[in-house]
PDB file of N, CA and C in Angstrom:
ATOM      1  N   MET A   1    -104.041  41.152  35.029  1.00  0.00           N
ATOM      2  CA  MET A   1    -103.424  39.881  35.313  1.00  0.00           C
ATOM      3  C   MET A   1    -102.250  40.093  36.259  1.00  0.00           C
ATOM      4  N   SER A   2    -101.985  39.079  37.058  1.00  0.00           N
ATOM      5  CA  SER A   2    -100.918  39.141  38.036  1.00  0.00           C
ATOM      6  C   SER A   2     -99.550  39.024  37.363  1.00  0.00           C
ATOM      7  N   VAL A   3     -98.594  39.783  37.872  1.00  0.00           N
ATOM      8  CA  VAL A   3     -97.215  39.646  37.423  1.00  0.00           C
ATOM      9  C   VAL A   3     -96.743  38.261  37.848  1.00  0.00           C
ATOM     10  N   GLY A   4     -96.117  37.530  36.950  1.00  0.00           N
ATOM     11  CA  GLY A   4     -95.613  36.207  37.269  1.00  0.00           C
ATOM     12  C   GLY A   4     -96.608  35.091  37.027  1.00  0.00           C
ATOM     13  N   TYR A   5     -97.824  35.430  36.598  1.00  0.00           N
ATOM     14  CA  TYR A   5     -98.802  34.375  36.341  1.00  0.00           C
ATOM     15  C   TYR A   5     -98.509  33.747  34.986  1.00  0.00           C
ATOM     16  N   ASP A   6     -98.457  32.432  34.964  1.00  0.00           N
ATOM     17  CA  ASP A   6     -98.184  31.678  33.745  1.00  0.00           C
ATOM     18  C   ASP A   6     -99.481  31.000  33.304  1.00  0.00           C
ATOM     19  N   ASP A   7    -100.050  31.440  32.189  1.00  0.00           N
ATOM     20  CA  ASP A   7    -101.298  30.864  31.687  1.00  0.00           C
ATOM     21  C   ASP A   7    -101.178  29.391  31.316  1.00  0.00           C
ATOM     22  N   ASN A   8     -99.970  28.871  31.276  1.00  0.00           N
ATOM     23  CA  ASN A   8     -99.769  27.463  30.943  1.00  0.00           C
ATOM     24  C   ASN A   8     -99.416  26.618  32.160  1.00  0.00           C
ATOM     25  N   ASN A   9     -99.594  27.181  33.379  1.00  0.00           N
ATOM     26  CA  ASN A   9     -99.331  26.358  34.558  1.00  0.00           C
ATOM     27  C   ASN A   9    -100.384  25.257  34.651  1.00  0.00           C
ATOM     28  N   ILE A  10    -100.064  24.208  35.372  1.00  0.00           N
ATOM     29  CA  ILE A  10    -100.939  23.032  35.415  1.00  0.00           C
ATOM     30  C   ILE A  10    -102.339  23.356  35.943  1.00  0.00           C
ATOM     31  N   PHE A  11    -102.452  24.284  36.896  1.00  0.00           N
ATOM     32  CA  PHE A  11    -103.779  24.602  37.437  1.00  0.00           C
ATOM     33  C   PHE A  11    -104.603  25.385  36.423  1.00  0.00           C
ATOM     34  N   ALA A  12    -103.964  26.241  35.649  1.00  0.00           N
ATOM     35  CA  ALA A  12    -104.675  26.946  34.576  1.00  0.00           C
ATOM     36  C   ALA A  12    -105.204  25.939  33.560  1.00  0.00           C
ATOM     37  N   LYS A  13    -104.394  24.927  33.256  1.00  0.00           N
ATOM     38  CA  LYS A  13    -104.825  23.893  32.313  1.00  0.00           C
ATOM     39  C   LYS A  13    -105.973  23.059  32.881  1.00  0.00           C
ATOM     40  N   ILE A  14    -105.936  22.779  34.175  1.00  0.00           N
ATOM     41  CA  ILE A  14    -107.047  22.069  34.823  1.00  0.00           C
ATOM     42  C   ILE A  14    -108.311  22.917  34.749  1.00  0.00           C
ATOM     43  N   LEU A  15    -108.184  24.213  35.056  1.00  0.00           N
ATOM     44  CA  LEU A  15    -109.351  25.107  35.009  1.00  0.00           C
ATOM     45  C   LEU A  15    -109.947  25.193  33.608  1.00  0.00           C
ATOM     46  N   ARG A  16    -109.112  25.116  32.578  1.00  0.00           N
ATOM     47  CA  ARG A  16    -109.601  25.153  31.196  1.00  0.00           C
ATOM     48  C   ARG A  16    -110.109  23.801  30.711  1.00  0.00           C
ATOM     49  N   GLY A  17    -109.964  22.759  31.526  1.00  0.00           N
ATOM     50  CA  GLY A  17    -110.414  21.428  31.144  1.00  0.00           C
ATOM     51  C   GLY A  17    -109.444  20.676  30.257  1.00  0.00           C
ATOM     52  N   GLU A  18    -108.211  21.171  30.134  1.00  0.00           N
ATOM     53  CA  GLU A  18    -107.208  20.523  29.291  1.00  0.00           C
ATOM     54  C   GLU A  18    -106.561  19.329  29.984  1.00  0.00           C
ATOM     55  N   ILE A  19    -106.565  19.356  31.315  1.00  0.00           N
ATOM     56  CA  ILE A  19    -106.020  18.273  32.129  1.00  0.00           C
ATOM     57  C   ILE A  19    -107.124  17.873  33.110  1.00  0.00           C
ATOM     58  N   PRO A  20    -107.397  16.564  33.232  1.00  0.00           N
ATOM     59  CA  PRO A  20    -108.446  16.142  34.159  1.00  0.00           C
ATOM     60  C   PRO A  20    -108.000  16.246  35.612  1.00  0.00           C
ATOM     61  N   CYS A  21    -108.969  16.293  36.496  1.00  0.00           N
ATOM     62  CA  CYS A  21    -108.689  16.267  37.923  1.00  0.00           C
ATOM     63  C   CYS A  21    -109.801  15.480  38.604  1.00  0.00           C
ATOM     64  N   LYS A  22    -109.514  15.037  39.810  1.00  0.00           N
ATOM     65  CA  LYS A  22    -110.526  14.366  40.632  1.00  0.00           C
ATOM     66  C   LYS A  22    -111.176  15.447  41.495  1.00  0.00           C
ATOM     67  N   LYS A  23    -112.269  15.987  40.976  1.00  0.00           N
ATOM     68  CA  LYS A  23    -112.943  17.136  41.570  1.00  0.00           C
ATOM     69  C   LYS A  23    -113.631  16.760  42.882  1.00  0.00           C
ATOM     70  N   VAL A  24    -113.460  17.621  43.879  1.00  0.00           N
ATOM     71  CA  VAL A  24    -114.098  17.458  45.183  1.00  0.00           C
ATOM     72  C   VAL A  24    -115.213  18.485  45.354  1.00  0.00           C
ATOM     73  N   HIS A  25    -114.992  19.693  44.839  1.00  0.00           N
ATOM     74  CA  HIS A  25    -115.946  20.793  44.998  1.00  0.00           C
ATOM     75  C   HIS A  25    -115.678  21.819  43.893  1.00  0.00           C
ATOM     76  N   GLU A  26    -116.747  22.451  43.435  1.00  0.00           N
ATOM     77  CA  GLU A  26    -116.600  23.546  42.479  1.00  0.00           C
ATOM     78  C   GLU A  26    -117.756  24.508  42.669  1.00  0.00           C
ATOM     79  N   ASP A  27    -117.448  25.785  42.572  1.00  0.00           N
ATOM     80  CA  ASP A  27    -118.474  26.817  42.550  1.00  0.00           C
ATOM     81  C   ASP A  27    -118.037  27.891  41.554  1.00  0.00           C
ATOM     82  N   GLU A  28    -118.713  28.985  41.543  1.00  0.00           N
ATOM     83  CA  GLU A  28    -118.434  30.045  40.566  1.00  0.00           C
ATOM     84  C   GLU A  28    -116.989  30.549  40.623  1.00  0.00           C
ATOM     85  N   HIS A  29    -116.409  30.581  41.835  1.00  0.00           N
ATOM     86  CA  HIS A  29    -115.095  31.205  42.020  1.00  0.00           C
ATOM     87  C   HIS A  29    -113.968  30.251  42.395  1.00  0.00           C
ATOM     88  N   THR A  30    -114.282  28.996  42.731  1.00  0.00           N
ATOM     89  CA  THR A  30    -113.243  28.087  43.228  1.00  0.00           C
ATOM     90  C   THR A  30    -113.371  26.686  42.636  1.00  0.00           C
ATOM     91  N   LEU A  31    -112.268  25.957  42.721  1.00  0.00           N
ATOM     92  CA  LEU A  31    -112.242  24.549  42.354  1.00  0.00           C
ATOM     93  C   LEU A  31    -111.386  23.838  43.398  1.00  0.00           C
ATOM     94  N   ALA A  32    -111.856  22.676  43.863  1.00  0.00           N
ATOM     95  CA  ALA A  32    -111.085  21.842  44.783  1.00  0.00           C
ATOM     96  C   ALA A  32    -110.951  20.462  44.160  1.00  0.00           C
ATOM     97  N   PHE A  33    -109.752  19.913  44.258  1.00  0.00           N
ATOM     98  CA  PHE A  33    -109.489  18.606  43.660  1.00  0.00           C
ATOM     99  C   PHE A  33    -108.376  17.905  44.424  1.00  0.00           C
ATOM    100  N   GLU A  34    -108.305  16.589  44.242  1.00  0.00           N
ATOM    101  CA  GLU A  34    -107.310  15.784  44.944  1.00  0.00           C
ATOM    102  C   GLU A  34    -105.912  16.033  44.383  1.00  0.00           C
ATOM    103  N   ASP A  35    -104.933  16.108  45.276  1.00  0.00           N
ATOM    104  CA  ASP A  35    -103.533  16.251  44.871  1.00  0.00           C
ATOM    105  C   ASP A  35    -103.086  14.953  44.202  1.00  0.00           C
ATOM    106  N   ILE A  36    -102.322  15.057  43.122  1.00  0.00           N
ATOM    107  CA  ILE A  36    -101.883  13.854  42.405  1.00  0.00           C
ATOM    108  C   ILE A  36    -100.734  13.128  43.109  1.00  0.00           C
ATOM    109  N   ALA A  37    -100.088  13.796  44.067  1.00  0.00           N
ATOM    110  CA  ALA A  37     -99.006  13.176  44.840  1.00  0.00           C
ATOM    111  C   ALA A  37     -99.270  13.451  46.321  1.00  0.00           C
ATOM    112  N   PRO A  38    -100.272  12.798  46.901  1.00  0.00           N
ATOM    113  CA  PRO A  38    -100.679  13.132  48.269  1.00  0.00           C
ATOM    114  C   PRO A  38     -99.581  12.921  49.305  1.00  0.00           C
ATOM    115  N   ALA A  39     -99.484  13.891  50.219  1.00  0.00           N
ATOM    116  CA  ALA A  39     -98.513  13.834  51.310  1.00  0.00           C
ATOM    117  C   ALA A  39     -99.159  13.373  52.611  1.00  0.00           C
ATOM    118  N   ALA A  40    -100.466  13.106  52.579  1.00  0.00           N
ATOM    119  CA  ALA A  40    -101.221  12.641  53.746  1.00  0.00           C
ATOM    120  C   ALA A  40    -102.427  11.879  53.209  1.00  0.00           C
ATOM    121  N   PRO A  41    -103.099  11.097  54.066  1.00  0.00           N
ATOM    122  CA  PRO A  41    -104.282  10.371  53.593  1.00  0.00           C
ATOM    123  C   PRO A  41    -105.330  11.281  52.943  1.00  0.00           C
ATOM    124  N   VAL A  42    -105.499  12.475  53.478  1.00  0.00           N
ATOM    125  CA  VAL A  42    -106.331  13.493  52.840  1.00  0.00           C
ATOM    126  C   VAL A  42    -105.387  14.588  52.357  1.00  0.00           C
ATOM    127  N   HIS A  43    -105.416  14.859  51.064  1.00  0.00           N
ATOM    128  CA  HIS A  43    -104.587  15.934  50.493  1.00  0.00           C
ATOM    129  C   HIS A  43    -105.349  16.508  49.306  1.00  0.00           C
ATOM    130  N   THR A  44    -106.092  17.559  49.592  1.00  0.00           N
ATOM    131  CA  THR A  44    -106.950  18.200  48.604  1.00  0.00           C
ATOM    132  C   THR A  44    -106.488  19.623  48.387  1.00  0.00           C
ATOM    133  N   LEU A  45    -106.489  20.066  47.143  1.00  0.00           N
ATOM    134  CA  LEU A  45    -106.110  21.434  46.799  1.00  0.00           C
ATOM    135  C   LEU A  45    -107.357  22.263  46.557  1.00  0.00           C
ATOM    136  N   VAL A  46    -107.329  23.503  47.022  1.00  0.00           N
ATOM    137  CA  VAL A  46    -108.418  24.448  46.773  1.00  0.00           C
ATOM    138  C   VAL A  46    -107.795  25.658  46.095  1.00  0.00           C
ATOM    139  N   ILE A  47    -108.334  26.020  44.917  1.00  0.00           N
ATOM    140  CA  ILE A  47    -107.769  27.133  44.152  1.00  0.00           C
ATOM    141  C   ILE A  47    -108.866  28.108  43.748  1.00  0.00           C
ATOM    142  N   PRO A  48    -108.504  29.387  43.643  1.00  0.00           N
ATOM    143  CA  PRO A  48    -109.446  30.331  43.039  1.00  0.00           C
ATOM    144  C   PRO A  48    -109.419  30.134  41.524  1.00  0.00           C
ATOM    145  N   LYS A  49    -110.502  30.440  40.861  1.00  0.00           N
ATOM    146  CA  LYS A  49    -110.540  30.324  39.403  1.00  0.00           C
ATOM    147  C   LYS A  49    -109.866  31.504  38.712  1.00  0.00           C
ATOM    148  N   GLY A  50    -109.683  32.600  39.419  1.00  0.00           N
ATOM    149  CA  GLY A  50    -109.011  33.763  38.853  1.00  0.00           C
ATOM    150  C   GLY A  50    -107.508  33.564  38.791  1.00  0.00           C
ATOM    151  N   LYS A  51    -106.845  34.426  38.043  1.00  0.00           N
ATOM    152  CA  LYS A  51    -105.405  34.356  37.815  1.00  0.00           C
ATOM    153  C   LYS A  51    -104.655  35.093  38.923  1.00  0.00           C
ATOM    154  N   TYR A  52    -104.430  34.382  40.030  1.00  0.00           N
ATOM    155  CA  TYR A  52    -103.733  34.943  41.184  1.00  0.00           C
ATOM    156  C   TYR A  52    -102.538  34.060  41.511  1.00  0.00           C
ATOM    157  N   VAL A  53    -101.423  34.686  41.833  1.00  0.00           N
ATOM    158  CA  VAL A  53    -100.200  33.944  42.132  1.00  0.00           C
ATOM    159  C   VAL A  53    -100.036  33.693  43.624  1.00  0.00           C
ATOM    160  N   SER A  54    -100.415  34.644  44.461  1.00  0.00           N
ATOM    161  CA  SER A  54    -100.137  34.559  45.893  1.00  0.00           C
ATOM    162  C   SER A  54    -101.291  35.136  46.705  1.00  0.00           C
ATOM    163  N   VAL A  55    -101.210  34.961  47.999  1.00  0.00           N
ATOM    164  CA  VAL A  55    -102.197  35.564  48.898  1.00  0.00           C
ATOM    165  C   VAL A  55    -102.138  37.085  48.791  1.00  0.00           C
ATOM    166  N   THR A  56    -100.946  37.642  48.685  1.00  0.00           N
ATOM    167  CA  THR A  56    -100.796  39.094  48.561  1.00  0.00           C
ATOM    168  C   THR A  56    -101.495  39.593  47.302  1.00  0.00           C
ATOM    169  N   ASP A  57    -101.264  38.920  46.208  1.00  0.00           N
ATOM    170  CA  ASP A  57    -101.898  39.244  44.932  1.00  0.00           C
ATOM    171  C   ASP A  57    -103.420  39.121  45.047  1.00  0.00           C
ATOM    172  N   PHE A  58    -103.879  38.014  45.627  1.00  0.00           N
ATOM    173  CA  PHE A  58    -105.309  37.747  45.787  1.00  0.00           C
ATOM    174  C   PHE A  58    -105.967  38.814  46.668  1.00  0.00           C
ATOM    175  N   ALA A  59    -105.339  39.141  47.794  1.00  0.00           N
ATOM    176  CA  ALA A  59    -105.892  40.135  48.715  1.00  0.00           C
ATOM    177  C   ALA A  59    -105.995  41.513  48.062  1.00  0.00           C
ATOM    178  N   ALA A  60    -105.055  41.828  47.184  1.00  0.00           N
ATOM    179  CA  ALA A  60    -105.039  43.142  46.532  1.00  0.00           C
ATOM    180  C   ALA A  60    -106.027  43.244  45.377  1.00  0.00           C
ATOM    181  N   ARG A  61    -106.251  42.143  44.653  1.00  0.00           N
ATOM    182  CA  ARG A  61    -107.019  42.254  43.413  1.00  0.00           C
ATOM    183  C   ARG A  61    -108.347  41.499  43.369  1.00  0.00           C
ATOM    184  N   ALA A  62    -108.535  40.520  44.238  1.00  0.00           N
ATOM    185  CA  ALA A  62    -109.759  39.713  44.178  1.00  0.00           C
ATOM    186  C   ALA A  62    -110.952  40.506  44.698  1.00  0.00           C
ATOM    187  N   SER A  63    -112.114  40.164  44.169  1.00  0.00           N
ATOM    188  CA  SER A  63    -113.349  40.786  44.648  1.00  0.00           C
ATOM    189  C   SER A  63    -113.720  40.195  46.007  1.00  0.00           C
ATOM    190  N   ASP A  64    -114.582  40.898  46.723  1.00  0.00           N
ATOM    191  CA  ASP A  64    -115.068  40.375  48.004  1.00  0.00           C
ATOM    192  C   ASP A  64    -115.740  39.020  47.800  1.00  0.00           C
ATOM    193  N   ALA A  65    -116.448  38.853  46.690  1.00  0.00           N
ATOM    194  CA  ALA A  65    -117.117  37.580  46.405  1.00  0.00           C
ATOM    195  C   ALA A  65    -116.092  36.457  46.229  1.00  0.00           C
ATOM    196  N   GLU A  66    -114.991  36.734  45.542  1.00  0.00           N
ATOM    197  CA  GLU A  66    -113.953  35.721  45.341  1.00  0.00           C
ATOM    198  C   GLU A  66    -113.284  35.356  46.664  1.00  0.00           C
ATOM    199  N   ILE A  67    -113.001  36.364  47.471  1.00  0.00           N
ATOM    200  CA  ILE A  67    -112.352  36.119  48.764  1.00  0.00           C
ATOM    201  C   ILE A  67    -113.262  35.283  49.657  1.00  0.00           C
ATOM    202  N   GLY A  68    -114.515  35.666  49.743  1.00  0.00           N
ATOM    203  CA  GLY A  68    -115.463  34.904  50.559  1.00  0.00           C
ATOM    204  C   GLY A  68    -115.631  33.484  50.055  1.00  0.00           C
ATOM    205  N   ALA A  69    -115.715  33.321  48.746  1.00  0.00           N
ATOM    206  CA  ALA A  69    -115.905  31.992  48.161  1.00  0.00           C
ATOM    207  C   ALA A  69    -114.726  31.076  48.460  1.00  0.00           C
ATOM    208  N   LEU A  70    -113.504  31.614  48.417  1.00  0.00           N
ATOM    209  CA  LEU A  70    -112.327  30.789  48.679  1.00  0.00           C
ATOM    210  C   LEU A  70    -112.326  30.291  50.127  1.00  0.00           C
ATOM    211  N   ILE A  71    -112.578  31.184  51.066  1.00  0.00           N
ATOM    212  CA  ILE A  71    -112.595  30.780  52.481  1.00  0.00           C
ATOM    213  C   ILE A  71    -113.718  29.777  52.731  1.00  0.00           C
ATOM    214  N   ARG A  72    -114.893  30.031  52.158  1.00  0.00           N
ATOM    215  CA  ARG A  72    -116.011  29.094  52.326  1.00  0.00           C
ATOM    216  C   ARG A  72    -115.701  27.736  51.691  1.00  0.00           C
ATOM    217  N   ALA A  73    -115.055  27.737  50.543  1.00  0.00           N
ATOM    218  CA  ALA A  73    -114.704  26.477  49.882  1.00  0.00           C
ATOM    219  C   ALA A  73    -113.735  25.670  50.735  1.00  0.00           C
ATOM    220  N   ILE A  74    -112.773  26.324  51.341  1.00  0.00           N
ATOM    221  CA  ILE A  74    -111.826  25.621  52.216  1.00  0.00           C
ATOM    222  C   ILE A  74    -112.581  24.948  53.355  1.00  0.00           C
ATOM    223  N   GLY A  75    -113.491  25.680  53.998  1.00  0.00           N
ATOM    224  CA  GLY A  75    -114.279  25.100  55.083  1.00  0.00           C
ATOM    225  C   GLY A  75    -115.164  23.954  54.614  1.00  0.00           C
ATOM    226  N   LYS A  76    -115.788  24.133  53.461  1.00  0.00           N
ATOM    227  CA  LYS A  76    -116.670  23.092  52.922  1.00  0.00           C
ATOM    228  C   LYS A  76    -115.887  21.827  52.585  1.00  0.00           C
ATOM    229  N   VAL A  77    -114.738  21.986  51.961  1.00  0.00           N
ATOM    230  CA  VAL A  77    -113.923  20.827  51.586  1.00  0.00           C
ATOM    231  C   VAL A  77    -113.413  20.097  52.829  1.00  0.00           C
ATOM    232  N   ALA A  78    -112.979  20.841  53.845  1.00  0.00           N
ATOM    233  CA  ALA A  78    -112.538  20.197  55.093  1.00  0.00           C
ATOM    234  C   ALA A  78    -113.674  19.354  55.672  1.00  0.00           C
ATOM    235  N   ALA A  79    -114.898  19.875  55.636  1.00  0.00           N
ATOM    236  CA  ALA A  79    -116.051  19.121  56.129  1.00  0.00           C
ATOM    237  C   ALA A  79    -116.336  17.911  55.236  1.00  0.00           C
ATOM    238  N   LEU A  80    -116.316  18.114  53.922  1.00  0.00           N
ATOM    239  CA  LEU A  80    -116.574  17.006  52.992  1.00  0.00           C
ATOM    240  C   LEU A  80    -115.566  15.867  53.156  1.00  0.00           C
ATOM    241  N   LYS A  81    -114.323  16.226  53.415  1.00  0.00           N
ATOM    242  CA  LYS A  81    -113.260  15.229  53.550  1.00  0.00           C
ATOM    243  C   LYS A  81    -113.192  14.637  54.961  1.00  0.00           C
ATOM    244  N   GLY A  82    -114.012  15.154  55.897  1.00  0.00           N
ATOM    245  CA  GLY A  82    -114.081  14.604  57.241  1.00  0.00           C
ATOM    246  C   GLY A  82    -112.883  14.877  58.118  1.00  0.00           C
ATOM    247  N   VAL A  83    -112.216  16.000  57.900  1.00  0.00           N
ATOM    248  CA  VAL A  83    -111.010  16.291  58.696  1.00  0.00           C
ATOM    249  C   VAL A  83    -111.185  17.436  59.688  1.00  0.00           C
ATOM    250  N   GLU A  84    -112.378  17.997  59.776  1.00  0.00           N
ATOM    251  CA  GLU A  84    -112.580  19.090  60.732  1.00  0.00           C
ATOM    252  C   GLU A  84    -112.231  18.657  62.152  1.00  0.00           C
ATOM    253  N   ASP A  85    -112.626  17.445  62.518  1.00  0.00           N
ATOM    254  CA  ASP A  85    -112.328  16.901  63.830  1.00  0.00           C
ATOM    255  C   ASP A  85    -111.769  15.514  63.599  1.00  0.00           C
ATOM    256  N   PRO A  86    -110.551  15.224  63.915  1.00  0.00           N
ATOM    257  CA  PRO A  86    -109.715  15.842  64.931  1.00  0.00           C
ATOM    258  C   PRO A  86    -108.834  16.992  64.455  1.00  0.00           C
ATOM    259  N   GLY A  87    -108.845  17.340  63.168  1.00  0.00           N
ATOM    260  CA  GLY A  87    -108.083  18.500  62.716  1.00  0.00           C
ATOM    261  C   GLY A  87    -107.357  18.255  61.407  1.00  0.00           C
ATOM    262  N   TYR A  88    -106.875  19.346  60.850  1.00  0.00           N
ATOM    263  CA  TYR A  88    -106.178  19.294  59.571  1.00  0.00           C
ATOM    264  C   TYR A  88    -105.207  20.461  59.487  1.00  0.00           C
ATOM    265  N   ARG A  89    -104.340  20.408  58.494  1.00  0.00           N
ATOM    266  CA  ARG A  89    -103.405  21.498  58.242  1.00  0.00           C
ATOM    267  C   ARG A  89    -103.819  22.184  56.953  1.00  0.00           C
ATOM    268  N   LEU A  90    -103.818  23.518  56.972  1.00  0.00           N
ATOM    269  CA  LEU A  90    -104.076  24.332  55.789  1.00  0.00           C
ATOM    270  C   LEU A  90    -102.758  25.000  55.438  1.00  0.00           C
ATOM    271  N   LEU A  91    -102.289  24.780  54.213  1.00  0.00           N
ATOM    272  CA  LEU A  91    -100.960  25.235  53.827  1.00  0.00           C
ATOM    273  C   LEU A  91    -101.007  25.890  52.459  1.00  0.00           C
ATOM    274  N   SER A  92    -100.338  27.024  52.339  1.00  0.00           N
ATOM    275  CA  SER A  92    -100.146  27.657  51.045  1.00  0.00           C
ATOM    276  C   SER A  92     -98.694  28.089  50.945  1.00  0.00           C
ATOM    277  N   ASN A  93     -97.969  27.508  50.008  1.00  0.00           N
ATOM    278  CA  ASN A  93     -96.582  27.882  49.761  1.00  0.00           C
ATOM    279  C   ASN A  93     -96.587  29.089  48.829  1.00  0.00           C
ATOM    280  N   ILE A  94     -95.851  30.124  49.209  1.00  0.00           N
ATOM    281  CA  ILE A  94     -95.828  31.362  48.429  1.00  0.00           C
ATOM    282  C   ILE A  94     -94.389  31.691  48.029  1.00  0.00           C
ATOM    283  N   GLY A  95     -94.154  31.823  46.747  1.00  0.00           N
ATOM    284  CA  GLY A  95     -92.848  32.241  46.241  1.00  0.00           C
ATOM    285  C   GLY A  95     -91.798  31.146  46.287  1.00  0.00           C
ATOM    286  N   ARG A  96     -90.677  31.453  45.695  1.00  0.00           N
ATOM    287  CA  ARG A  96     -89.571  30.495  45.572  1.00  0.00           C
ATOM    288  C   ARG A  96     -89.108  29.995  46.930  1.00  0.00           C
ATOM    289  N   GLU A  97     -88.841  30.915  47.879  1.00  0.00           N
ATOM    290  CA  GLU A  97     -88.341  30.502  49.188  1.00  0.00           C
ATOM    291  C   GLU A  97     -89.408  29.832  50.030  1.00  0.00           C
ATOM    292  N   GLY A  98     -90.673  30.059  49.709  1.00  0.00           N
ATOM    293  CA  GLY A  98     -91.758  29.395  50.412  1.00  0.00           C
ATOM    294  C   GLY A  98     -92.073  28.021  49.848  1.00  0.00           C
ATOM    295  N   GLY A  99     -91.421  27.659  48.757  1.00  0.00           N
ATOM    296  CA  GLY A  99     -91.606  26.338  48.177  1.00  0.00           C
ATOM    297  C   GLY A  99     -92.740  26.236  47.171  1.00  0.00           C
ATOM    298  N   GLN A 100     -93.224  27.384  46.667  1.00  0.00           N
ATOM    299  CA  GLN A 100     -94.307  27.344  45.681  1.00  0.00           C
ATOM    300  C   GLN A 100     -93.790  26.784  44.366  1.00  0.00           C
ATOM    301  N   VAL A 101     -94.470  25.762  43.858  1.00  0.00           N
ATOM    302  CA  VAL A 101     -94.068  25.112  42.615  1.00  0.00           C
ATOM    303  C   VAL A 101     -94.938  25.590  41.456  1.00  0.00           C
ATOM    304  N   VAL A 102     -96.241  25.704  41.693  1.00  0.00           N
ATOM    305  CA  VAL A 102     -97.166  26.140  40.649  1.00  0.00           C
ATOM    306  C   VAL A 102     -97.519  27.605  40.896  1.00  0.00           C
ATOM    307  N   PRO A 103     -97.299  28.494  39.916  1.00  0.00           N
ATOM    308  CA  PRO A 103     -97.553  29.924  40.118  1.00  0.00           C
ATOM    309  C   PRO A 103     -99.038  30.284  39.999  1.00  0.00           C
ATOM    310  N   HIS A 104     -99.864  29.585  40.755  1.00  0.00           N
ATOM    311  CA  HIS A 104    -101.303  29.873  40.866  1.00  0.00           C
ATOM    312  C   HIS A 104    -101.629  29.659  42.338  1.00  0.00           C
ATOM    313  N   LEU A 105    -102.231  30.662  42.989  1.00  0.00           N
ATOM    314  CA  LEU A 105    -102.559  30.544  44.405  1.00  0.00           C
ATOM    315  C   LEU A 105    -103.319  29.249  44.655  1.00  0.00           C
ATOM    316  N   HIS A 106    -102.886  28.497  45.649  1.00  0.00           N
ATOM    317  CA  HIS A 106    -103.582  27.279  46.027  1.00  0.00           C
ATOM    318  C   HIS A 106    -103.326  26.958  47.490  1.00  0.00           C
ATOM    319  N   PHE A 107    -104.315  26.314  48.069  1.00  0.00           N
ATOM    320  CA  PHE A 107    -104.241  25.885  49.458  1.00  0.00           C
ATOM    321  C   PHE A 107    -104.319  24.369  49.506  1.00  0.00           C
ATOM    322  N   HIS A 108    -103.446  23.781  50.318  1.00  0.00           N
ATOM    323  CA  HIS A 108    -103.446  22.348  50.552  1.00  0.00           C
ATOM    324  C   HIS A 108    -104.229  22.092  51.835  1.00  0.00           C
ATOM    325  N   ILE A 109    -105.201  21.203  51.792  1.00  0.00           N
ATOM    326  CA  ILE A 109    -105.862  20.708  52.988  1.00  0.00           C
ATOM    327  C   ILE A 109    -105.278  19.322  53.221  1.00  0.00           C
ATOM    328  N   LEU A 110    -104.576  19.178  54.345  1.00  0.00           N
ATOM    329  CA  LEU A 110    -103.885  17.932  54.679  1.00  0.00           C
ATOM    330  C   LEU A 110    -104.452  17.372  55.973  1.00  0.00           C
ATOM    331  N   GLY A 111    -104.759  16.104  55.992  1.00  0.00           N
ATOM    332  CA  GLY A 111    -105.280  15.492  57.209  1.00  0.00           C
ATOM    333  C   GLY A 111    -105.396  13.998  57.081  1.00  0.00           C
ATOM    334  N   GLY A 112    -106.148  13.429  57.998  1.00  0.00           N
ATOM    335  CA  GLY A 112    -106.345  11.988  57.995  1.00  0.00           C
ATOM    336  C   GLY A 112    -105.360  11.236  58.866  1.00  0.00           C
ATOM    337  N   ARG A 113    -104.431  11.941  59.478  1.00  0.00           N
ATOM    338  CA  ARG A 113    -103.465  11.375  60.431  1.00  0.00           C
ATOM    339  C   ARG A 113    -102.820  12.542  61.167  1.00  0.00           C
ATOM    340  N   ALA A 114    -102.135  12.253  62.267  1.00  0.00           N
ATOM    341  CA  ALA A 114    -101.371  13.280  62.971  1.00  0.00           C
ATOM    342  C   ALA A 114    -100.252  13.749  62.044  1.00  0.00           C
ATOM    343  N   LEU A 115    -100.123  15.051  61.888  1.00  0.00           N
ATOM    344  CA  LEU A 115     -99.173  15.593  60.912  1.00  0.00           C
ATOM    345  C   LEU A 115     -97.841  16.020  61.503  1.00  0.00           C
ATOM    346  N   GLY A 116     -97.718  16.010  62.803  1.00  0.00           N
ATOM    347  CA  GLY A 116     -96.442  16.341  63.428  1.00  0.00           C
ATOM    348  C   GLY A 116     -96.175  17.842  63.420  1.00  0.00           C
ATOM    349  N   PRO A 117     -94.917  18.206  63.690  1.00  0.00           N
ATOM    350  CA  PRO A 117     -94.581  19.628  63.761  1.00  0.00           C
ATOM    351  C   PRO A 117     -94.749  20.321  62.410  1.00  0.00           C
ATOM    352  N   MET A 118     -95.002  21.614  62.476  1.00  0.00           N
ATOM    353  CA  MET A 118     -95.237  22.372  61.253  1.00  0.00           C
ATOM    354  C   MET A 118     -94.005  22.406  60.360  1.00  0.00           C
ATOM    355  N   LEU A 119     -92.848  22.644  60.952  1.00  0.00           N
ATOM    356  CA  LEU A 119     -91.605  22.692  60.180  1.00  0.00           C
ATOM    357  C   LEU A 119     -90.549  21.840  60.857  1.00  0.00           C
ATOM    358  N   VAL A 120     -89.716  21.212  60.081  1.00  0.00           N
ATOM    359  CA  VAL A 120     -88.576  20.497  60.617  1.00  0.00           C
ATOM    360  C   VAL A 120     -87.472  21.528  60.804  1.00  0.00           C
ATOM    361  N   LYS A 121     -86.931  21.591  62.007  1.00  0.00           N
ATOM    362  CA  LYS A 121     -85.913  22.608  62.295  1.00  0.00           C
ATOM    363  C   LYS A 121     -84.537  22.113  61.983  1.00  0.00           C
TER     364      LYS A 121
END
């Protein structure tokens, strides 16, 4: 298990079926669902089902099958949500200074409108 992983985080509870979600996609290794506080017209989260906190953790410990499934799920969800063209933002906040709130690796797919600059300076 990853250092810093909290088995009671909201995504762990969603994966265990303790909290409902609006599911967009699911396979053996991933789950995608709508964000409960969307920041754009399209705001879908894609998470691995394994207990990973960050990309660094995932890259070090995930199997090739898990890594491939996560990337494929992101692409599939972007297509399902219709944001491939004209485009979307893929975002993963990592750690305290990166703004990570839930200690479970997750990617935000944001789209449905022009999103502006990546960071406000």
